[in-house]
C-alpha atoms as a PDB file:
ATOM      1  CA  MET A   1      61.442  37.017 132.938  1.00  0.00           C
ATOM      2  CA  LYS A   2      59.975  40.234 134.471  1.00  0.00           C
ATOM      3  CA  LEU A   3      58.734  43.196 132.273  1.00  0.00           C
ATOM      4  CA  VAL A   4      58.274  46.991 133.526  1.00  0.00           C
ATOM      5  CA  LEU A   5      55.929  48.833 131.320  1.00  0.00           C
ATOM      6  CA  ALA A   6      56.438  52.557 131.299  1.00  0.00           C
ATOM      7  CA  SER A   7      52.722  53.353 131.767  1.00  0.00           C
ATOM      8  CA  ARG A   8      49.929  53.636 134.267  1.00  0.00           C
ATOM      9  CA  ASN A   9      47.071  52.036 132.587  1.00  0.00           C
ATOM     10  CA  GLU A  10      46.151  49.412 133.821  1.00  0.00           C
ATOM     11  CA  ASN A  11      44.139  48.523 130.258  1.00  0.00           C
ATOM     12  CA  LYS A  12      47.317  48.134 128.447  1.00  0.00           C
ATOM     13  CA  LEU A  13      48.481  45.921 131.434  1.00  0.00           C
ATOM     14  CA  ARG A  14      46.178  43.544 131.159  1.00  0.00           C
ATOM     15  CA  GLU A  15      46.026  43.235 127.664  1.00  0.00           C
ATOM     16  CA  LEU A  16      50.024  42.638 127.490  1.00  0.00           C
ATOM     17  CA  ARG A  17      49.820  40.025 130.245  1.00  0.00           C
ATOM     18  CA  SER A  18      46.930  37.610 128.527  1.00  0.00           C
ATOM     19  CA  VAL A  19      49.279  37.405 125.602  1.00  0.00           C
ATOM     20  CA  LEU A  20      52.809  37.279 127.345  1.00  0.00           C
ATOM     21  CA  PRO A  21      51.629  34.749 130.554  1.00  0.00           C
ATOM     22  CA  ASP A  22      55.375  33.442 130.643  1.00  0.00           C
ATOM     23  CA  TRP A  23      56.354  37.391 131.756  1.00  0.00           C
ATOM     24  CA  GLU A  24      55.687  39.139 135.368  1.00  0.00           C
ATOM     25  CA  ILE A  25      54.486  42.237 134.153  1.00  0.00           C
ATOM     26  CA  GLU A  26      54.127  45.310 136.092  1.00  0.00           C
ATOM     27  CA  LEU A  27      53.553  49.124 135.516  1.00  0.00           C
ATOM     28  CA  LEU A  28      56.312  51.356 136.166  1.00  0.00           C
ATOM     29  CA  CYS A  29      56.272  53.509 139.332  1.00  0.00           C
ATOM     30  CA  ALA A  30      57.808  56.676 138.709  1.00  0.00           C
ATOM     31  CA  PRO A  31      57.279  59.958 139.886  1.00  0.00           C
ATOM     32  CA  ASP A  32      56.905  61.500 136.398  1.00  0.00           C
ATOM     33  CA  GLU A  33      55.910  60.662 132.830  1.00  0.00           C
ATOM     34  CA  PRO A  34      57.776  61.873 130.183  1.00  0.00           C
ATOM     35  CA  ALA A  35      56.280  64.179 127.107  1.00  0.00           C
ATOM     36  CA  GLU A  36      54.998  62.444 124.393  1.00  0.00           C
ATOM     37  CA  ASP A  37      56.694  64.434 121.411  1.00  0.00           C
ATOM     38  CA  ALA A  38      58.267  62.450 119.123  1.00  0.00           C
ATOM     39  CA  GLY A  39      55.502  62.555 116.328  1.00  0.00           C
ATOM     40  CA  THR A  40      55.357  58.890 115.825  1.00  0.00           C
ATOM     41  CA  PHE A  41      54.373  55.865 117.820  1.00  0.00           C
ATOM     42  CA  PHE A  42      57.831  54.441 117.684  1.00  0.00           C
ATOM     43  CA  GLY A  43      59.445  57.496 118.782  1.00  0.00           C
ATOM     44  CA  ASN A  44      57.089  58.046 121.527  1.00  0.00           C
ATOM     45  CA  ALA A  45      57.386  54.138 122.534  1.00  0.00           C
ATOM     46  CA  GLY A  46      61.207  54.865 122.881  1.00  0.00           C
ATOM     47  CA  ILE A  47      60.839  57.598 124.835  1.00  0.00           C
ATOM     48  CA  LYS A  48      58.610  55.781 127.456  1.00  0.00           C
ATOM     49  CA  ALA A  49      60.740  52.780 127.537  1.00  0.00           C
ATOM     50  CA  ARG A  50      64.147  55.026 128.206  1.00  0.00           C
ATOM     51  CA  HIS A  51      61.811  57.014 130.439  1.00  0.00           C
ATOM     52  CA  GLY A  52      61.264  53.751 132.347  1.00  0.00           C
ATOM     53  CA  ARG A  53      64.877  52.530 131.951  1.00  0.00           C
ATOM     54  CA  LEU A  54      66.007  55.295 134.481  1.00  0.00           C
ATOM     55  CA  HIS A  55      63.054  54.215 136.826  1.00  0.00           C
ATOM     56  CA  ALA A  56      63.238  50.447 136.773  1.00  0.00           C
ATOM     57  CA  ARG A  57      65.731  47.499 138.008  1.00  0.00           C
ATOM     58  CA  PRO A  58      68.912  47.061 136.398  1.00  0.00           C
ATOM     59  CA  GLU A  59      67.801  43.411 135.726  1.00  0.00           C
ATOM     60  CA  GLU A  60      64.029  44.061 134.548  1.00  0.00           C
ATOM     61  CA  TRP A  61      63.151  44.378 130.949  1.00  0.00           C
ATOM     62  CA  VAL A  62      61.696  47.580 130.196  1.00  0.00           C
ATOM     63  CA  ALA A  63      59.178  48.673 127.496  1.00  0.00           C
ATOM     64  CA  GLY A  64      57.343  51.344 126.215  1.00  0.00           C
ATOM     65  CA  GLU A  65      53.902  51.333 124.158  1.00  0.00           C
ATOM     66  CA  ASP A  66      52.338  54.107 121.867  1.00  0.00           C
ATOM     67  CA  SER A  67      49.291  53.019 119.931  1.00  0.00           C
ATOM     68  CA  GLY A  68      46.538  54.802 118.828  1.00  0.00           C
ATOM     69  CA  ILE A  69      43.899  55.014 115.414  1.00  0.00           C
ATOM     70  CA  GLU A  70      44.518  56.423 112.416  1.00  0.00           C
ATOM     71  CA  VAL A  71      41.830  57.314 110.115  1.00  0.00           C
ATOM     72  CA  VAL A  72      42.039  57.263 106.573  1.00  0.00           C
ATOM     73  CA  ALA A  73      39.818  60.137 105.253  1.00  0.00           C
ATOM     74  CA  LEU A  74      41.326  62.568 108.244  1.00  0.00           C
ATOM     75  CA  GLY A  75      44.883  61.829 106.287  1.00  0.00           C
ATOM     76  CA  GLY A  76      45.718  59.405 109.307  1.00  0.00           C
ATOM     77  CA  ALA A  77      44.344  61.346 112.417  1.00  0.00           C
ATOM     78  CA  PRO A  78      44.021  61.216 115.405  1.00  0.00           C
ATOM     79  CA  GLY A  79      47.113  59.049 114.975  1.00  0.00           C
ATOM     80  CA  VAL A  80      49.983  59.528 117.986  1.00  0.00           C
ATOM     81  CA  GLU A  81      47.555  62.315 119.543  1.00  0.00           C
ATOM     82  CA  SER A  82      44.637  59.624 119.951  1.00  0.00           C
ATOM     83  CA  ALA A  83      44.495  59.790 123.513  1.00  0.00           C
ATOM     84  CA  ARG A  84      44.623  63.698 123.486  1.00  0.00           C
ATOM     85  CA  TRP A  85      42.803  64.677 120.552  1.00  0.00           C
ATOM     86  CA  ALA A  86      39.516  65.480 122.432  1.00  0.00           C
ATOM     87  CA  GLU A  87      37.743  65.092 125.901  1.00  0.00           C
ATOM     88  CA  ASP A  88      35.337  62.484 124.209  1.00  0.00           C
ATOM     89  CA  PRO A  89      37.268  61.521 121.145  1.00  0.00           C
ATOM     90  CA  VAL A  90      34.672  59.325 120.025  1.00  0.00           C
ATOM     91  CA  THR A  91      32.082  61.502 119.767  1.00  0.00           C
ATOM     92  CA  ARG A  92      34.603  64.007 117.862  1.00  0.00           C
ATOM     93  CA  LEU A  93      35.276  61.334 115.295  1.00  0.00           C
ATOM     94  CA  LEU A  94      32.004  60.542 114.614  1.00  0.00           C
ATOM     95  CA  ALA A  95      31.406  64.062 113.723  1.00  0.00           C
ATOM     96  CA  GLU A  96      34.659  64.363 111.779  1.00  0.00           C
ATOM     97  CA  LEU A  97      33.118  61.571 109.801  1.00  0.00           C
ATOM     98  CA  ASP A  98      29.728  62.549 109.668  1.00  0.00           C
ATOM     99  CA  GLY A  99      28.577  62.397 105.864  1.00  0.00           C
ATOM    100  CA  MET A 100      31.625  60.330 104.888  1.00  0.00           C
ATOM    101  CA  THR A 101      31.508  57.152 103.029  1.00  0.00           C
ATOM    102  CA  ASN A 102      35.570  56.206 103.347  1.00  0.00           C
ATOM    103  CA  ARG A 103      35.711  55.285 107.130  1.00  0.00           C
ATOM    104  CA  ARG A 104      38.455  52.987 106.941  1.00  0.00           C
ATOM    105  CA  ALA A 105      40.968  52.918 109.646  1.00  0.00           C
ATOM    106  CA  ARG A 106      43.500  51.034 111.608  1.00  0.00           C
ATOM    107  CA  TYR A 107      44.789  50.523 115.266  1.00  0.00           C
ATOM    108  CA  VAL A 108      48.489  50.793 115.362  1.00  0.00           C
ATOM    109  CA  CYS A 109      50.631  49.391 118.320  1.00  0.00           C
ATOM    110  CA  GLU A 110      54.399  50.205 118.749  1.00  0.00           C
ATOM    111  CA  LEU A 111      56.449  48.403 121.463  1.00  0.00           C
ATOM    112  CA  VAL A 112      60.059  48.753 122.077  1.00  0.00           C
ATOM    113  CA  ALA A 113      61.719  47.177 124.740  1.00  0.00           C
ATOM    114  CA  LEU A 114      65.363  47.489 126.646  1.00  0.00           C
ATOM    115  CA  SER A 115      66.768  44.660 127.910  1.00  0.00           C
ATOM    116  CA  PRO A 116      69.096  44.834 131.393  1.00  0.00           C
ATOM    117  CA  GLU A 117      72.011  44.425 129.007  1.00  0.00           C
ATOM    118  CA  GLY A 118      70.947  47.519 126.987  1.00  0.00           C
ATOM    119  CA  LEU A 119      69.435  45.568 123.593  1.00  0.00           C
ATOM    120  CA  GLU A 120      66.609  47.127 122.100  1.00  0.00           C
ATOM    121  CA  LEU A 121      63.618  45.666 120.563  1.00  0.00           C
ATOM    122  CA  HIS A 122      61.147  46.897 118.130  1.00  0.00           C
ATOM    123  CA  ALA A 123      57.669  45.549 117.752  1.00  0.00           C
ATOM    124  CA  ILE A 124      54.362  46.859 115.872  1.00  0.00           C
ATOM    125  CA  GLY A 125      50.862  45.128 115.700  1.00  0.00           C
ATOM    126  CA  THR A 126      47.878  46.420 113.425  1.00  0.00           C
ATOM    127  CA  LEU A 127      44.438  45.812 113.372  1.00  0.00           C
ATOM    128  CA  GLU A 128      42.567  47.406 109.937  1.00  0.00           C
ATOM    129  CA  GLY A 129      38.863  48.029 109.957  1.00  0.00           C
ATOM    130  CA  GLU A 130      36.682  51.090 109.923  1.00  0.00           C
ATOM    131  CA  ILE A 131      34.622  53.416 111.921  1.00  0.00           C
ATOM    132  CA  ALA A 132      30.837  52.450 112.696  1.00  0.00           C
ATOM    133  CA  ALA A 133      27.997  54.969 112.390  1.00  0.00           C
ATOM    134  CA  GLU A 134      27.773  54.891 116.452  1.00  0.00           C
ATOM    135  CA  PRO A 135      28.768  53.415 119.340  1.00  0.00           C
ATOM    136  CA  ARG A 136      28.539  49.761 120.213  1.00  0.00           C
ATOM    137  CA  GLY A 137      29.369  47.759 122.615  1.00  0.00           C
ATOM    138  CA  THR A 138      30.725  47.608 126.427  1.00  0.00           C
ATOM    139  CA  GLU A 139      33.519  45.900 126.586  1.00  0.00           C
ATOM    140  CA  GLY A 140      37.032  47.519 125.738  1.00  0.00           C
ATOM    141  CA  PHE A 141      38.264  51.158 126.065  1.00  0.00           C
ATOM    142  CA  GLY A 142      38.968  54.547 123.941  1.00  0.00           C
ATOM    143  CA  TYR A 143      37.794  53.966 120.461  1.00  0.00           C
ATOM    144  CA  ASP A 144      36.437  50.375 120.796  1.00  0.00           C
ATOM    145  CA  PRO A 145      32.839  51.283 120.852  1.00  0.00           C
ATOM    146  CA  ILE A 146      32.913  52.192 117.048  1.00  0.00           C
ATOM    147  CA  PHE A 147      36.001  50.231 115.490  1.00  0.00           C
ATOM    148  CA  VAL A 148      34.990  46.932 113.743  1.00  0.00           C
ATOM    149  CA  PRO A 149      37.306  44.880 112.445  1.00  0.00           C
ATOM    150  CA  THR A 150      38.055  43.991 108.941  1.00  0.00           C
ATOM    151  CA  GLY A 151      35.512  40.688 108.073  1.00  0.00           C
ATOM    152  CA  MET A 152      33.436  41.515 111.243  1.00  0.00           C
ATOM    153  CA  SER A 153      30.153  43.373 111.492  1.00  0.00           C
ATOM    154  CA  ALA A 154      30.517  43.754 115.550  1.00  0.00           C
ATOM    155  CA  THR A 155      33.068  46.777 117.096  1.00  0.00           C
ATOM    156  CA  VAL A 156      35.819  45.440 119.424  1.00  0.00           C
ATOM    157  CA  ALA A 157      33.693  46.629 122.422  1.00  0.00           C
ATOM    158  CA  GLU A 158      31.007  44.109 121.050  1.00  0.00           C
ATOM    159  CA  LEU A 159      33.413  41.348 120.647  1.00  0.00           C
ATOM    160  CA  GLY A 160      34.858  41.798 123.911  1.00  0.00           C
ATOM    161  CA  GLY A 161      37.928  41.393 125.747  1.00  0.00           C
ATOM    162  CA  ALA A 162      38.596  37.253 124.828  1.00  0.00           C
ATOM    163  CA  TRP A 163      38.345  38.285 121.286  1.00  0.00           C
ATOM    164  CA  LYS A 164      40.813  41.298 122.022  1.00  0.00           C
ATOM    165  CA  ARG A 165      43.406  39.815 123.956  1.00  0.00           C
ATOM    166  CA  GLU A 166      44.052  37.325 120.791  1.00  0.00           C
ATOM    167  CA  HIS A 167      43.532  39.974 117.777  1.00  0.00           C
ATOM    168  CA  SER A 168      44.399  43.474 119.104  1.00  0.00           C
ATOM    169  CA  HIS A 169      46.763  45.432 117.535  1.00  0.00           C
ATOM    170  CA  ARG A 170      48.559  45.576 121.404  1.00  0.00           C
ATOM    171  CA  ALA A 171      48.228  41.769 121.081  1.00  0.00           C
ATOM    172  CA  GLN A 172      49.947  41.111 117.806  1.00  0.00           C
ATOM    173  CA  ALA A 173      52.857  43.628 119.192  1.00  0.00           C
ATOM    174  CA  ALA A 174      52.953  41.546 122.044  1.00  0.00           C
ATOM    175  CA  ARG A 175      53.763  38.323 119.823  1.00  0.00           C
ATOM    176  CA  ALA A 176      56.011  39.822 117.757  1.00  0.00           C
ATOM    177  CA  PHE A 177      57.899  41.256 120.958  1.00  0.00           C
ATOM    178  CA  ALA A 178      57.860  37.106 122.325  1.00  0.00           C
ATOM    179  CA  ALA A 179      58.758  36.335 118.579  1.00  0.00           C
ATOM    180  CA  LEU A 180      62.098  38.309 119.100  1.00  0.00           C
ATOM    181  CA  LEU A 181      62.911  36.719 121.802  1.00  0.00           C
ATOM    182  CA  ARG A 182      62.911  33.186 120.443  1.00  0.00           C
END
């Protein structure tokens, strides 16, 4: 089956392809991107999916995905603003948490998929953890160099791509989506 991801993010595409190997997944070719102004991951994922539906072929599934990191000590920030929070979001997050002992956080991914017939499916994945004191590791992207999953001592960037493909918030959302189709 074919799925069009309403995104221009190659990293997200690679992650979804690794979790959904039976699907042919491509990024959306559209002249523009919709405003992500819903205020929730679910709302923004829906905006992207509906935008994608306007540009995809009628026989293709379309998925919108929105994800980010929520930090307890910051009242859930940066949340839906994770990608736009700062020019250097890792440095800003470390500065915001400087001196704080509560460094609990979670990655969240919400996926909204629209079938060719108009069926809407919603899947969510989360990864609990905490924010490290400094960046470590070279794999991954975004906040991965400072995110330590619960039960681990290494950051996601240190754990590497194979670990992330199996355990990330996006992998969990993709598996939940696949389970909905069964």
